[in-house]
Amino acid sequence: IMDLFPLEHFYSHKTAEIDIKYEQEIKYGQKVMLDFKYEKEDNKFFVRGHNGETITFFRATGTFKENGDRT
């Protein structure tokens, strides 16, 4: 999931929280497609891994903190 962000993003942000909900096992050889959304104003991201049809393998949400932010 972190590979979805450019390396430069981590110069100014650190991962504050990540929550992954697994729904279906990904078996060897299965293709996984990712839906990805990043809300810059709230530093929140959403990722869904699926097979392109009806099966969702996982859903992940997370937040970043800007480096130096103590909250």
Protein backbone atom coordinates (compact mmCIF):
# COMPACT_ATOMS: atom_id res chain seq x y z
CA ILE A 1 0.00 0.00 0.00
CA MET A 2 2.83 2.41 0.83
CA ASP A 3 4.27 1.80 -2.65
CA LEU A 4 1.25 3.66 -4.05
CA PHE A 5 2.76 6.93 -2.77
CA PRO A 6 5.80 8.58 -4.33
CA LEU A 7 8.96 8.34 -2.22
CA GLU A 8 9.00 12.14 -1.84
CA HIS A 9 5.73 11.97 0.10
CA PHE A 10 7.57 10.32 3.01
CA TYR A 11 10.04 13.20 3.26
CA SER A 12 7.23 15.32 4.70
CA HIS A 13 4.78 12.72 6.07
CA LYS A 14 4.82 9.66 8.29
CA THR A 15 2.21 6.95 8.65
CA ALA A 16 0.03 7.65 11.69
CA GLU A 17 -2.47 4.84 11.36
CA ILE A 18 -3.36 2.00 9.02
CA ASP A 19 -6.25 -0.44 9.28
CA ILE A 20 -6.56 -3.43 6.94
CA LYS A 21 -9.68 -5.58 6.80
CA TYR A 22 -9.08 -8.88 5.02
CA GLU A 23 -12.16 -10.33 3.33
CA GLN A 24 -10.88 -13.07 1.02
CA GLU A 25 -7.60 -14.96 0.69
CA ILE A 26 -5.42 -14.04 -2.28
CA LYS A 27 -4.17 -17.29 -3.77
CA TYR A 28 -0.90 -17.71 -5.61
CA GLY A 29 -1.23 -16.56 -9.21
CA GLN A 30 -4.39 -14.48 -8.71
CA LYS A 31 -4.32 -10.99 -10.16
CA VAL A 32 -5.10 -8.17 -7.75
CA MET A 33 -6.35 -4.78 -8.88
CA LEU A 34 -6.19 -1.78 -6.57
CA ASP A 35 -8.61 1.11 -6.18
CA PHE A 36 -6.83 4.00 -4.48
CA LYS A 37 -7.97 7.34 -3.14
CA TYR A 38 -5.93 9.91 -1.21
CA GLU A 39 -7.55 12.95 0.42
CA LYS A 40 -4.70 15.43 0.80
CA GLU A 41 -6.64 17.91 2.92
CA ASP A 42 -7.30 15.27 5.61
CA ASN A 43 -4.19 13.13 4.96
CA LYS A 44 -6.44 10.04 4.66
CA PHE A 45 -6.11 7.22 2.17
CA PHE A 46 -8.33 4.36 1.08
CA VAL A 47 -7.30 1.22 -0.83
CA ARG A 48 -9.35 -1.74 -2.01
CA GLY A 49 -7.77 -4.88 -3.46
CA HIS A 50 -10.07 -6.86 -5.75
CA ASN A 51 -10.08 -9.24 -8.70
CA GLY A 52 -11.71 -6.79 -11.12
CA GLU A 53 -15.06 -8.52 -10.87
CA THR A 54 -16.99 -9.42 -7.73
CA ILE A 55 -14.37 -10.46 -5.18
CA THR A 56 -12.86 -7.95 -2.73
CA PHE A 57 -9.71 -9.28 -1.08
CA PHE A 58 -9.11 -6.42 1.37
CA ARG A 59 -9.99 -2.86 2.27
CA ALA A 60 -7.50 -0.53 3.91
CA THR A 61 -7.75 2.93 5.39
CA GLY A 62 -5.08 5.06 6.93
CA THR A 63 -3.85 8.50 7.84
CA PHE A 64 -0.60 10.38 7.63
CA LYS A 65 0.86 13.04 9.89
CA GLU A 66 3.10 15.71 8.59
CA ASN A 67 6.61 15.36 9.97
CA GLY A 68 6.88 17.56 13.02
CA ASP A 69 3.13 17.36 13.79
CA ARG A 70 2.81 16.19 17.42
CA THR A 71 -0.99 15.66 17.41
